[in-house]
Amino acid sequence: MNELGSRFLRILEENLIFVSLIAIVVFFSLISESFLSLTTLSTLLNQLPALTVVAIGMTLVLISGGIDLSVGSVVALSAGVIGAGIAILGLPLPLAACLGILAGALVGFANGSLGAYLRLPIFIVTLGMLEVSRGLAYLVTDSQTVYIGAPIQSFAVPWGGSGVSASILVALTLVVVFEVMLKNTIFGRQIVAVGSNESAAEVSGIDPRRIRCTVLVLSGLLAGLGGLMNAAYLGSADPNAGIGLELSAIAAAVIGGTSLMGGRGSVVGAFVGVLIVSVLQIGLAQIGITEPTKRVITGAVIILAVIIDRWRAG
């Protein structure tokens, strides 16, 4: 009986994140009649793409032992570049989208160069780039929302009433691609090695600076893609977009089992974390919880996830 109980607890621990998601869905289904509806599903699918791709980048950075606080502002900067390119300069959507994503990658390169190669504290570097990127977003949009409309909205419009759009398919594809990369490639194992023990990784021939710079570039690039998805969802470029998104991305990664100390994490886990964060926010809104209270609850969930992470680490 003890052996059976121990096995059950082990299985529960290994699948705790999935059990948590199911429990949250059941809870809101019981207290809100409108929770299990097509409207809720549509809202969820609209929210997922941008947060998912940003959380992928954040997961890689956290596993490598770093952090990227600039991603929310990068989303706004990328959307602003895309909006200004289309609405002001008259650029075709593909070119404007590439420029927006490139802007995100450049911010990531700046973060990586300053943090990895100049050995500045990455927390401070990305905190500074949070302000720099937000300021640039205001400058390229002249501090106003830039309406884009149909040219970009097709990326986020569901096909045939299915609720599935190009944005969500791209996001799900990237979850699979980066999970495979993390678990089954040399580069993925190097990310884990650097986050686990930088000195040991360096002795084994891995350049920690190159790894950390690369994952920050990837984080910036994915945040740039998140800007495209955000602009597609809104049909416009809002310089205030993405405020607090970095906290949601960190929350999703940590809830999904990524360690804040580095060396451990999963992209699929981070995606389930995104689902938990999104379902929690939608459910709380449906039962009439105010925004300040939602923030308190979300923050408490993040703290609980960190406590569980430390407990798992022993």
C-alpha atoms as a PDB file:
ATOM      1  CA  MET A   1       0.000   0.000   0.000  1.00  0.00           C
ATOM      2  CA  ASN A   2       2.869   2.341   0.866  1.00  0.00           C
ATOM      3  CA  GLU A   3       4.557   1.520  -2.428  1.00  0.00           C
ATOM      4  CA  LEU A   4       1.320   2.206  -4.302  1.00  0.00           C
ATOM      5  CA  GLY A   5       0.897   5.504  -2.483  1.00  0.00           C
ATOM      6  CA  SER A   6       4.478   6.529  -3.228  1.00  0.00           C
ATOM      7  CA  ARG A   7       4.020   5.699  -6.891  1.00  0.00           C
ATOM      8  CA  PHE A   8       0.815   7.748  -7.009  1.00  0.00           C
ATOM      9  CA  LEU A   9       2.537  10.735  -5.400  1.00  0.00           C
ATOM     10  CA  ARG A  10       5.427  10.460  -7.849  1.00  0.00           C
ATOM     11  CA  ILE A  11       3.057  10.395 -10.825  1.00  0.00           C
ATOM     12  CA  LEU A  12       1.134  13.332  -9.364  1.00  0.00           C
ATOM     13  CA  GLU A  13       4.352  15.322  -8.913  1.00  0.00           C
ATOM     14  CA  GLU A  14       5.514  14.575 -12.454  1.00  0.00           C
ATOM     15  CA  ASN A  15       2.167  15.702 -13.895  1.00  0.00           C
ATOM     16  CA  LEU A  16       1.391  18.447 -11.394  1.00  0.00           C
ATOM     17  CA  ILE A  17       1.217  21.150 -14.041  1.00  0.00           C
ATOM     18  CA  PHE A  18      -1.391  19.264 -16.083  1.00  0.00           C
ATOM     19  CA  VAL A  19      -3.395  18.466 -12.953  1.00  0.00           C
ATOM     20  CA  SER A  20      -3.273  22.159 -12.026  1.00  0.00           C
ATOM     21  CA  LEU A  21      -4.572  23.207 -15.450  1.00  0.00           C
ATOM     22  CA  ILE A  22      -7.440  20.727 -15.266  1.00  0.00           C
ATOM     23  CA  ALA A  23      -8.282  21.820 -11.709  1.00  0.00           C
ATOM     24  CA  ILE A  24      -8.414  25.502 -12.744  1.00  0.00           C
ATOM     25  CA  VAL A  25     -10.666  24.715 -15.711  1.00  0.00           C
ATOM     26  CA  VAL A  26     -13.003  22.623 -13.531  1.00  0.00           C
ATOM     27  CA  PHE A  27     -13.088  25.322 -10.839  1.00  0.00           C
ATOM     28  CA  PHE A  28     -14.096  28.123 -13.204  1.00  0.00           C
ATOM     29  CA  SER A  29     -16.558  25.828 -14.991  1.00  0.00           C
ATOM     30  CA  LEU A  30     -18.367  25.238 -11.706  1.00  0.00           C
ATOM     31  CA  ILE A  31     -18.620  28.886 -10.642  1.00  0.00           C
ATOM     32  CA  SER A  32     -19.161  30.504 -14.063  1.00  0.00           C
ATOM     33  CA  GLU A  33     -21.844  29.268 -16.447  1.00  0.00           C
ATOM     34  CA  SER A  34     -20.249  31.072 -19.400  1.00  0.00           C
ATOM     35  CA  PHE A  35     -16.727  29.733 -18.884  1.00  0.00           C
ATOM     36  CA  LEU A  36     -17.104  26.600 -21.023  1.00  0.00           C
ATOM     37  CA  SER A  37     -18.172  28.405 -24.191  1.00  0.00           C
ATOM     38  CA  LEU A  38     -16.969  29.241 -27.672  1.00  0.00           C
ATOM     39  CA  THR A  39     -16.503  32.849 -26.550  1.00  0.00           C
ATOM     40  CA  THR A  40     -14.041  31.801 -23.858  1.00  0.00           C
ATOM     41  CA  LEU A  41     -12.222  29.518 -26.285  1.00  0.00           C
ATOM     42  CA  SER A  42     -11.997  32.323 -28.853  1.00  0.00           C
ATOM     43  CA  THR A  43     -10.633  34.731 -26.229  1.00  0.00           C
ATOM     44  CA  LEU A  44      -8.072  32.148 -25.146  1.00  0.00           C
ATOM     45  CA  LEU A  45      -6.909  31.433 -28.699  1.00  0.00           C
ATOM     46  CA  ASN A  46      -6.534  35.171 -29.363  1.00  0.00           C
ATOM     47  CA  GLN A  47      -4.393  35.667 -26.264  1.00  0.00           C
ATOM     48  CA  LEU A  48      -2.139  32.645 -26.699  1.00  0.00           C
ATOM     49  CA  PRO A  49       0.112  33.385 -29.730  1.00  0.00           C
ATOM     50  CA  ALA A  50       2.023  36.469 -28.534  1.00  0.00           C
ATOM     51  CA  LEU A  51       2.486  35.242 -24.962  1.00  0.00           C
ATOM     52  CA  THR A  52       3.467  31.768 -26.186  1.00  0.00           C
ATOM     53  CA  VAL A  53       6.311  32.910 -28.438  1.00  0.00           C
ATOM     54  CA  VAL A  54       7.593  35.357 -25.811  1.00  0.00           C
ATOM     55  CA  ALA A  55       7.466  32.603 -23.165  1.00  0.00           C
ATOM     56  CA  ILE A  56       9.511  30.295 -25.434  1.00  0.00           C
ATOM     57  CA  GLY A  57      12.301  32.857 -25.589  1.00  0.00           C
ATOM     58  CA  MET A  58      12.070  33.552 -21.867  1.00  0.00           C
ATOM     59  CA  THR A  59      12.306  29.825 -21.124  1.00  0.00           C
ATOM     60  CA  LEU A  60      15.543  29.485 -23.096  1.00  0.00           C
ATOM     61  CA  VAL A  61      17.046  32.508 -21.352  1.00  0.00           C
ATOM     62  CA  LEU A  62      16.067  31.250 -17.897  1.00  0.00           C
ATOM     63  CA  ILE A  63      17.465  27.773 -18.587  1.00  0.00           C
ATOM     64  CA  SER A  64      20.774  29.369 -19.590  1.00  0.00           C
ATOM     65  CA  GLY A  65      20.896  31.135 -16.223  1.00  0.00           C
ATOM     66  CA  GLY A  66      19.793  34.584 -17.388  1.00  0.00           C
ATOM     67  CA  ILE A  67      16.649  36.687 -17.551  1.00  0.00           C
ATOM     68  CA  ASP A  68      15.143  39.066 -20.115  1.00  0.00           C
ATOM     69  CA  LEU A  69      13.027  41.889 -18.725  1.00  0.00           C
ATOM     70  CA  SER A  70      12.873  43.776 -22.026  1.00  0.00           C
ATOM     71  CA  VAL A  71      10.513  41.466 -23.958  1.00  0.00           C
ATOM     72  CA  GLY A  72       7.280  43.346 -23.215  1.00  0.00           C
ATOM     73  CA  SER A  73       8.731  46.589 -24.539  1.00  0.00           C
ATOM     74  CA  VAL A  74      10.240  44.756 -27.520  1.00  0.00           C
ATOM     75  CA  VAL A  75       6.745  43.545 -28.435  1.00  0.00           C
ATOM     76  CA  ALA A  76       5.602  47.193 -28.516  1.00  0.00           C
ATOM     77  CA  LEU A  77       8.702  48.286 -30.464  1.00  0.00           C
ATOM     78  CA  SER A  78       8.279  45.551 -33.068  1.00  0.00           C
ATOM     79  CA  ALA A  79       4.582  46.340 -33.501  1.00  0.00           C
ATOM     80  CA  GLY A  80       5.449  50.034 -33.772  1.00  0.00           C
ATOM     81  CA  VAL A  81       8.039  49.417 -36.494  1.00  0.00           C
ATOM     82  CA  ILE A  82       5.557  47.258 -38.410  1.00  0.00           C
ATOM     83  CA  GLY A  83       2.768  49.826 -38.011  1.00  0.00           C
ATOM     84  CA  ALA A  84       4.955  52.753 -39.049  1.00  0.00           C
ATOM     85  CA  GLY A  85       6.326  50.773 -41.980  1.00  0.00           C
ATOM     86  CA  ILE A  86       2.882  49.926 -43.359  1.00  0.00           C
ATOM     87  CA  ALA A  87       0.755  52.956 -42.422  1.00  0.00           C
ATOM     88  CA  ILE A  88       3.347  55.725 -42.692  1.00  0.00           C
ATOM     89  CA  LEU A  89       6.001  54.519 -45.136  1.00  0.00           C
ATOM     90  CA  GLY A  90       3.683  52.387 -47.285  1.00  0.00           C
ATOM     91  CA  LEU A  91       5.877  49.281 -47.080  1.00  0.00           C
ATOM     92  CA  PRO A  92       4.401  45.893 -48.003  1.00  0.00           C
ATOM     93  CA  LEU A  93       3.443  43.728 -45.021  1.00  0.00           C
ATOM     94  CA  PRO A  94       6.195  41.087 -45.481  1.00  0.00           C
ATOM     95  CA  LEU A  95       8.940  43.729 -45.505  1.00  0.00           C
ATOM     96  CA  ALA A  96       7.465  45.643 -42.559  1.00  0.00           C
ATOM     97  CA  ALA A  97       7.058  42.392 -40.606  1.00  0.00           C
ATOM     98  CA  CYS A  98      10.689  41.457 -41.248  1.00  0.00           C
ATOM     99  CA  LEU A  99      11.834  44.884 -40.062  1.00  0.00           C
ATOM    100  CA  GLY A 100       9.760  44.570 -36.893  1.00  0.00           C
ATOM    101  CA  ILE A 101      11.132  41.130 -36.076  1.00  0.00           C
ATOM    102  CA  LEU A 102      14.659  42.343 -36.926  1.00  0.00           C
ATOM    103  CA  ALA A 103      14.202  45.206 -34.454  1.00  0.00           C
ATOM    104  CA  GLY A 104      13.488  42.631 -31.753  1.00  0.00           C
ATOM    105  CA  ALA A 105      16.537  40.581 -32.709  1.00  0.00           C
ATOM    106  CA  LEU A 106      18.731  43.706 -32.550  1.00  0.00           C
ATOM    107  CA  VAL A 107      17.527  44.460 -29.032  1.00  0.00           C
ATOM    108  CA  GLY A 108      18.327  40.859 -28.129  1.00  0.00           C
ATOM    109  CA  PHE A 109      21.795  41.230 -29.654  1.00  0.00           C
ATOM    110  CA  ALA A 110      22.379  44.387 -27.610  1.00  0.00           C
ATOM    111  CA  ASN A 111      21.272  42.543 -24.466  1.00  0.00           C
ATOM    112  CA  GLY A 112      23.518  39.606 -25.268  1.00  0.00           C
ATOM    113  CA  SER A 113      26.556  41.690 -26.154  1.00  0.00           C
ATOM    114  CA  LEU A 114      26.349  43.849 -23.038  1.00  0.00           C
ATOM    115  CA  GLY A 115      25.444  41.021 -20.691  1.00  0.00           C
ATOM    116  CA  ALA A 116      27.504  38.127 -22.004  1.00  0.00           C
ATOM    117  CA  TYR A 117      30.583  39.751 -23.506  1.00  0.00           C
ATOM    118  CA  LEU A 118      30.940  42.868 -21.326  1.00  0.00           C
ATOM    119  CA  ARG A 119      29.817  40.814 -18.312  1.00  0.00           C
ATOM    120  CA  LEU A 120      27.327  43.415 -17.121  1.00  0.00           C
ATOM    121  CA  PRO A 121      24.524  42.133 -14.854  1.00  0.00           C
ATOM    122  CA  ILE A 122      21.897  40.856 -17.274  1.00  0.00           C
ATOM    123  CA  PHE A 123      19.093  41.910 -14.929  1.00  0.00           C
ATOM    124  CA  ILE A 124      20.247  45.543 -15.135  1.00  0.00           C
ATOM    125  CA  VAL A 125      20.987  45.373 -18.875  1.00  0.00           C
ATOM    126  CA  THR A 126      17.554  44.063 -19.815  1.00  0.00           C
ATOM    127  CA  LEU A 127      15.880  46.424 -17.334  1.00  0.00           C
ATOM    128  CA  GLY A 128      17.603  49.299 -19.119  1.00  0.00           C
ATOM    129  CA  MET A 129      16.611  47.926 -22.528  1.00  0.00           C
ATOM    130  CA  LEU A 130      13.029  47.703 -21.291  1.00  0.00           C
ATOM    131  CA  GLU A 131      13.054  51.501 -21.036  1.00  0.00           C
ATOM    132  CA  VAL A 132      15.048  52.022 -24.231  1.00  0.00           C
ATOM    133  CA  SER A 133      12.725  49.814 -26.276  1.00  0.00           C
ATOM    134  CA  ARG A 134       9.596  51.399 -24.825  1.00  0.00           C
ATOM    135  CA  GLY A 135      10.952  54.852 -25.617  1.00  0.00           C
ATOM    136  CA  LEU A 136      11.748  53.798 -29.190  1.00  0.00           C
ATOM    137  CA  ALA A 137       8.215  52.386 -29.513  1.00  0.00           C
ATOM    138  CA  TYR A 138       6.815  55.792 -28.587  1.00  0.00           C
ATOM    139  CA  LEU A 139       9.176  57.528 -31.010  1.00  0.00           C
ATOM    140  CA  VAL A 140       8.366  55.387 -34.071  1.00  0.00           C
ATOM    141  CA  THR A 141       4.618  55.702 -33.463  1.00  0.00           C
ATOM    142  CA  ASP A 142       4.740  59.358 -32.381  1.00  0.00           C
ATOM    143  CA  SER A 143       3.208  58.163 -29.086  1.00  0.00           C
ATOM    144  CA  GLN A 144      -0.050  57.278 -30.844  1.00  0.00           C
ATOM    145  CA  THR A 145      -1.771  54.055 -31.795  1.00  0.00           C
ATOM    146  CA  VAL A 146      -1.098  53.417 -35.492  1.00  0.00           C
ATOM    147  CA  TYR A 147      -4.047  51.786 -37.265  1.00  0.00           C
ATOM    148  CA  ILE A 148      -3.014  49.073 -39.734  1.00  0.00           C
ATOM    149  CA  GLY A 149      -6.232  47.189 -40.424  1.00  0.00           C
ATOM    150  CA  ALA A 150      -6.864  44.409 -42.913  1.00  0.00           C
ATOM    151  CA  PRO A 151      -3.304  43.900 -44.224  1.00  0.00           C
ATOM    152  CA  ILE A 152      -2.161  42.459 -40.905  1.00  0.00           C
ATOM    153  CA  GLN A 153      -5.378  41.221 -39.303  1.00  0.00           C
ATOM    154  CA  SER A 154      -5.575  38.265 -41.673  1.00  0.00           C
ATOM    155  CA  PHE A 155      -2.699  36.746 -39.676  1.00  0.00           C
ATOM    156  CA  ALA A 156      -4.909  36.563 -36.586  1.00  0.00           C
ATOM    157  CA  VAL A 157      -8.354  35.958 -38.122  1.00  0.00           C
ATOM    158  CA  PRO A 158      -9.601  32.372 -37.518  1.00  0.00           C
ATOM    159  CA  TRP A 159     -10.128  30.255 -40.607  1.00  0.00           C
ATOM    160  CA  GLY A 160     -13.704  29.325 -41.401  1.00  0.00           C
ATOM    161  CA  GLY A 161     -14.973  29.985 -37.894  1.00  0.00           C
ATOM    162  CA  SER A 162     -12.722  27.252 -36.499  1.00  0.00           C
ATOM    163  CA  GLY A 163     -11.036  29.562 -34.008  1.00  0.00           C
ATOM    164  CA  VAL A 164      -7.654  28.512 -35.430  1.00  0.00           C
ATOM    165  CA  SER A 165      -5.580  31.252 -37.053  1.00  0.00           C
ATOM    166  CA  ALA A 166      -2.168  31.459 -38.664  1.00  0.00           C
ATOM    167  CA  SER A 167      -0.842  33.052 -35.460  1.00  0.00           C
ATOM    168  CA  ILE A 168      -1.778  30.146 -33.222  1.00  0.00           C
ATOM    169  CA  LEU A 169      -0.463  27.578 -35.722  1.00  0.00           C
ATOM    170  CA  VAL A 170       2.878  29.389 -35.905  1.00  0.00           C
ATOM    171  CA  ALA A 171       3.050  29.565 -32.107  1.00  0.00           C
ATOM    172  CA  LEU A 172       2.291  25.849 -31.677  1.00  0.00           C
ATOM    173  CA  THR A 173       4.814  24.932 -34.371  1.00  0.00           C
ATOM    174  CA  LEU A 174       7.492  26.942 -32.583  1.00  0.00           C
ATOM    175  CA  VAL A 175       6.686  25.173 -29.295  1.00  0.00           C
ATOM    176  CA  VAL A 176       7.396  21.826 -30.982  1.00  0.00           C
ATOM    177  CA  VAL A 177      10.488  23.078 -32.816  1.00  0.00           C
ATOM    178  CA  PHE A 178      12.140  24.612 -29.755  1.00  0.00           C
ATOM    179  CA  GLU A 179      11.232  21.668 -27.504  1.00  0.00           C
ATOM    180  CA  VAL A 180      12.925  19.320 -29.974  1.00  0.00           C
ATOM    181  CA  MET A 181      15.880  21.699 -30.228  1.00  0.00           C
ATOM    182  CA  LEU A 182      16.233  21.894 -26.446  1.00  0.00           C
ATOM    183  CA  LYS A 183      15.985  18.145 -25.827  1.00  0.00           C
ATOM    184  CA  ASN A 184      17.634  16.646 -28.915  1.00  0.00           C
ATOM    185  CA  THR A 185      20.342  18.957 -30.243  1.00  0.00           C
ATOM    186  CA  ILE A 186      23.862  19.851 -29.169  1.00  0.00           C
ATOM    187  CA  PHE A 187      22.890  23.516 -28.864  1.00  0.00           C
ATOM    188  CA  GLY A 188      19.984  22.628 -26.571  1.00  0.00           C
ATOM    189  CA  ARG A 189      22.208  20.552 -24.316  1.00  0.00           C
ATOM    190  CA  GLN A 190      24.743  23.386 -24.249  1.00  0.00           C
ATOM    191  CA  ILE A 191      22.057  25.792 -23.014  1.00  0.00           C
ATOM    192  CA  VAL A 192      21.237  23.407 -20.158  1.00  0.00           C
ATOM    193  CA  ALA A 193      24.935  22.856 -19.392  1.00  0.00           C
ATOM    194  CA  VAL A 194      25.667  26.588 -19.169  1.00  0.00           C
ATOM    195  CA  GLY A 195      22.699  27.154 -16.888  1.00  0.00           C
ATOM    196  CA  SER A 196      23.571  24.181 -14.697  1.00  0.00           C
ATOM    197  CA  ASN A 197      27.256  24.936 -14.172  1.00  0.00           C
ATOM    198  CA  GLU A 198      28.979  27.615 -16.222  1.00  0.00           C
ATOM    199  CA  SER A 199      32.486  26.702 -15.060  1.00  0.00           C
ATOM    200  CA  ALA A 200      32.039  23.016 -15.891  1.00  0.00           C
ATOM    201  CA  ALA A 201      30.559  23.902 -19.266  1.00  0.00           C
ATOM    202  CA  GLU A 202      33.532  26.129 -20.051  1.00  0.00           C
ATOM    203  CA  VAL A 203      35.995  23.390 -19.085  1.00  0.00           C
ATOM    204  CA  SER A 204      34.205  20.994 -21.442  1.00  0.00           C
ATOM    205  CA  GLY A 205      34.756  23.383 -24.368  1.00  0.00           C
ATOM    206  CA  ILE A 206      31.479  25.322 -24.389  1.00  0.00           C
ATOM    207  CA  ASP A 207      31.656  29.112 -24.666  1.00  0.00           C
ATOM    208  CA  PRO A 208      29.047  30.385 -22.151  1.00  0.00           C
ATOM    209  CA  ARG A 209      29.179  33.896 -23.615  1.00  0.00           C
ATOM    210  CA  ARG A 210      28.199  32.664 -27.070  1.00  0.00           C
ATOM    211  CA  ILE A 211      25.364  30.540 -25.675  1.00  0.00           C
ATOM    212  CA  ARG A 212      23.954  33.310 -23.505  1.00  0.00           C
ATOM    213  CA  CYS A 213      24.222  35.888 -26.285  1.00  0.00           C
ATOM    214  CA  THR A 214      22.503  33.531 -28.745  1.00  0.00           C
ATOM    215  CA  VAL A 215      19.556  32.789 -26.460  1.00  0.00           C
ATOM    216  CA  LEU A 216      19.062  36.510 -25.808  1.00  0.00           C
ATOM    217  CA  VAL A 217      19.037  37.154 -29.560  1.00  0.00           C
ATOM    218  CA  LEU A 218      16.458  34.368 -29.911  1.00  0.00           C
ATOM    219  CA  SER A 219      14.427  35.899 -27.094  1.00  0.00           C
ATOM    220  CA  GLY A 220      14.461  39.280 -28.821  1.00  0.00           C
ATOM    221  CA  LEU A 221      13.589  37.741 -32.182  1.00  0.00           C
ATOM    222  CA  LEU A 222      10.660  35.816 -30.676  1.00  0.00           C
ATOM    223  CA  ALA A 223       9.470  38.957 -28.871  1.00  0.00           C
ATOM    224  CA  GLY A 224       9.629  40.698 -32.255  1.00  0.00           C
ATOM    225  CA  LEU A 225       7.412  37.963 -33.665  1.00  0.00           C
ATOM    226  CA  GLY A 226       5.154  38.489 -30.652  1.00  0.00           C
ATOM    227  CA  GLY A 227       4.875  42.130 -31.721  1.00  0.00           C
ATOM    228  CA  LEU A 228       3.651  41.018 -35.144  1.00  0.00           C
ATOM    229  CA  MET A 229       1.076  38.737 -33.515  1.00  0.00           C
ATOM    230  CA  ASN A 230      -0.045  41.469 -31.130  1.00  0.00           C
ATOM    231  CA  ALA A 231      -0.469  43.954 -33.981  1.00  0.00           C
ATOM    232  CA  ALA A 232      -2.394  41.350 -35.986  1.00  0.00           C
ATOM    233  CA  TYR A 233      -4.749  40.718 -33.068  1.00  0.00           C
ATOM    234  CA  LEU A 234      -5.378  44.436 -32.453  1.00  0.00           C
ATOM    235  CA  GLY A 235      -5.250  45.517 -36.099  1.00  0.00           C
ATOM    236  CA  SER A 236      -2.992  48.332 -34.943  1.00  0.00           C
ATOM    237  CA  ALA A 237       0.348  49.139 -33.323  1.00  0.00           C
ATOM    238  CA  ASP A 238      -0.066  50.334 -29.754  1.00  0.00           C
ATOM    239  CA  PRO A 239       3.074  51.790 -28.124  1.00  0.00           C
ATOM    240  CA  ASN A 240       1.618  50.748 -24.750  1.00  0.00           C
ATOM    241  CA  ALA A 241       1.306  47.112 -25.801  1.00  0.00           C
ATOM    242  CA  GLY A 242       3.130  44.435 -23.848  1.00  0.00           C
ATOM    243  CA  ILE A 243       3.321  46.260 -20.513  1.00  0.00           C
ATOM    244  CA  GLY A 244       3.858  43.563 -17.899  1.00  0.00           C
ATOM    245  CA  LEU A 245       4.180  40.839 -20.548  1.00  0.00           C
ATOM    246  CA  GLU A 246       7.645  39.947 -19.296  1.00  0.00           C
ATOM    247  CA  LEU A 247       6.141  39.032 -15.916  1.00  0.00           C
ATOM    248  CA  SER A 248       3.506  36.821 -17.554  1.00  0.00           C
ATOM    249  CA  ALA A 249       6.215  35.112 -19.608  1.00  0.00           C
ATOM    250  CA  ILE A 250       8.362  34.491 -16.533  1.00  0.00           C
ATOM    251  CA  ALA A 251       5.301  33.221 -14.665  1.00  0.00           C
ATOM    252  CA  ALA A 252       4.410  30.829 -17.498  1.00  0.00           C
ATOM    253  CA  ALA A 253       7.964  29.486 -17.682  1.00  0.00           C
ATOM    254  CA  VAL A 254       8.290  28.986 -13.915  1.00  0.00           C
ATOM    255  CA  ILE A 255       4.815  27.460 -13.586  1.00  0.00           C
ATOM    256  CA  GLY A 256       5.828  25.136 -16.424  1.00  0.00           C
ATOM    257  CA  GLY A 257       8.802  23.820 -14.447  1.00  0.00           C
ATOM    258  CA  THR A 258      11.639  26.090 -15.592  1.00  0.00           C
ATOM    259  CA  SER A 259      14.044  26.878 -12.775  1.00  0.00           C
ATOM    260  CA  LEU A 260      14.877  30.506 -12.036  1.00  0.00           C
ATOM    261  CA  MET A 261      18.332  29.262 -11.062  1.00  0.00           C
ATOM    262  CA  GLY A 262      18.966  27.897 -14.553  1.00  0.00           C
ATOM    263  CA  GLY A 263      19.797  24.461 -15.895  1.00  0.00           C
ATOM    264  CA  ARG A 264      16.272  23.042 -16.058  1.00  0.00           C
ATOM    265  CA  GLY A 265      13.127  23.711 -18.045  1.00  0.00           C
ATOM    266  CA  SER A 266      10.804  22.711 -20.835  1.00  0.00           C
ATOM    267  CA  VAL A 267       9.255  24.635 -23.712  1.00  0.00           C
ATOM    268  CA  VAL A 268       6.177  22.390 -23.655  1.00  0.00           C
ATOM    269  CA  GLY A 269       5.931  22.991 -19.907  1.00  0.00           C
ATOM    270  CA  ALA A 270       6.132  26.739 -20.523  1.00  0.00           C
ATOM    271  CA  PHE A 271       3.267  26.445 -23.026  1.00  0.00           C
ATOM    272  CA  VAL A 272       1.125  24.687 -20.428  1.00  0.00           C
ATOM    273  CA  GLY A 273       2.146  27.516 -18.094  1.00  0.00           C
ATOM    274  CA  VAL A 274       0.878  29.987 -20.704  1.00  0.00           C
ATOM    275  CA  LEU A 275      -2.425  28.104 -20.754  1.00  0.00           C
ATOM    276  CA  ILE A 276      -2.659  28.271 -16.957  1.00  0.00           C
ATOM    277  CA  VAL A 277      -1.880  32.007 -16.845  1.00  0.00           C
ATOM    278  CA  SER A 278      -4.335  32.774 -19.671  1.00  0.00           C
ATOM    279  CA  VAL A 279      -7.139  30.574 -18.305  1.00  0.00           C
ATOM    280  CA  LEU A 280      -6.637  32.092 -14.859  1.00  0.00           C
ATOM    281  CA  GLN A 281      -6.884  35.648 -16.209  1.00  0.00           C
ATOM    282  CA  ILE A 282      -9.948  34.901 -18.345  1.00  0.00           C
ATOM    283  CA  GLY A 283     -11.682  32.999 -15.548  1.00  0.00           C
ATOM    284  CA  LEU A 284     -11.042  35.718 -12.978  1.00  0.00           C
ATOM    285  CA  ALA A 285     -12.380  38.356 -15.385  1.00  0.00           C
ATOM    286  CA  GLN A 286     -15.552  36.330 -16.023  1.00  0.00           C
ATOM    287  CA  ILE A 287     -16.394  36.044 -12.334  1.00  0.00           C
ATOM    288  CA  GLY A 288     -15.987  39.774 -11.861  1.00  0.00           C
ATOM    289  CA  ILE A 289     -12.602  39.960 -10.149  1.00  0.00           C
ATOM    290  CA  THR A 290     -11.152  43.471 -10.430  1.00  0.00           C
ATOM    291  CA  GLU A 291      -7.803  44.133 -12.094  1.00  0.00           C
ATOM    292  CA  PRO A 292      -5.940  44.884  -8.827  1.00  0.00           C
ATOM    293  CA  THR A 293      -7.208  41.631  -7.290  1.00  0.00           C
ATOM    294  CA  LYS A 294      -6.267  39.722 -10.462  1.00  0.00           C
ATOM    295  CA  ARG A 295      -2.727  41.021 -10.075  1.00  0.00           C
ATOM    296  CA  VAL A 296      -2.616  39.904  -6.446  1.00  0.00           C
ATOM    297  CA  ILE A 297      -3.812  36.400  -7.357  1.00  0.00           C
ATOM    298  CA  THR A 298      -1.462  36.104 -10.340  1.00  0.00           C
ATOM    299  CA  GLY A 299       1.472  37.234  -8.203  1.00  0.00           C
ATOM    300  CA  ALA A 300       0.549  34.707  -5.530  1.00  0.00           C
ATOM    301  CA  VAL A 301       0.491  31.959  -8.171  1.00  0.00           C
ATOM    302  CA  ILE A 302       4.000  32.963  -9.297  1.00  0.00           C
ATOM    303  CA  ILE A 303       5.295  32.829  -5.706  1.00  0.00           C
ATOM    304  CA  LEU A 304       3.662  29.425  -5.221  1.00  0.00           C
ATOM    305  CA  ALA A 305       5.319  28.176  -8.422  1.00  0.00           C
ATOM    306  CA  VAL A 306       8.726  29.329  -7.131  1.00  0.00           C
ATOM    307  CA  ILE A 307       8.116  27.585  -3.796  1.00  0.00           C
ATOM    308  CA  ILE A 308       7.237  24.363  -5.634  1.00  0.00           C
ATOM    309  CA  ASP A 309      10.348  24.765  -7.814  1.00  0.00           C
ATOM    310  CA  ARG A 310      12.578  25.056  -4.722  1.00  0.00           C
ATOM    311  CA  TRP A 311      10.830  22.058  -3.151  1.00  0.00           C
ATOM    312  CA  ARG A 312      11.468  19.972  -6.266  1.00  0.00           C
ATOM    313  CA  ALA A 313      15.114  21.008  -6.286  1.00  0.00           C
ATOM    314  CA  GLY A 314      15.389  19.764  -2.721  1.00  0.00           C
END
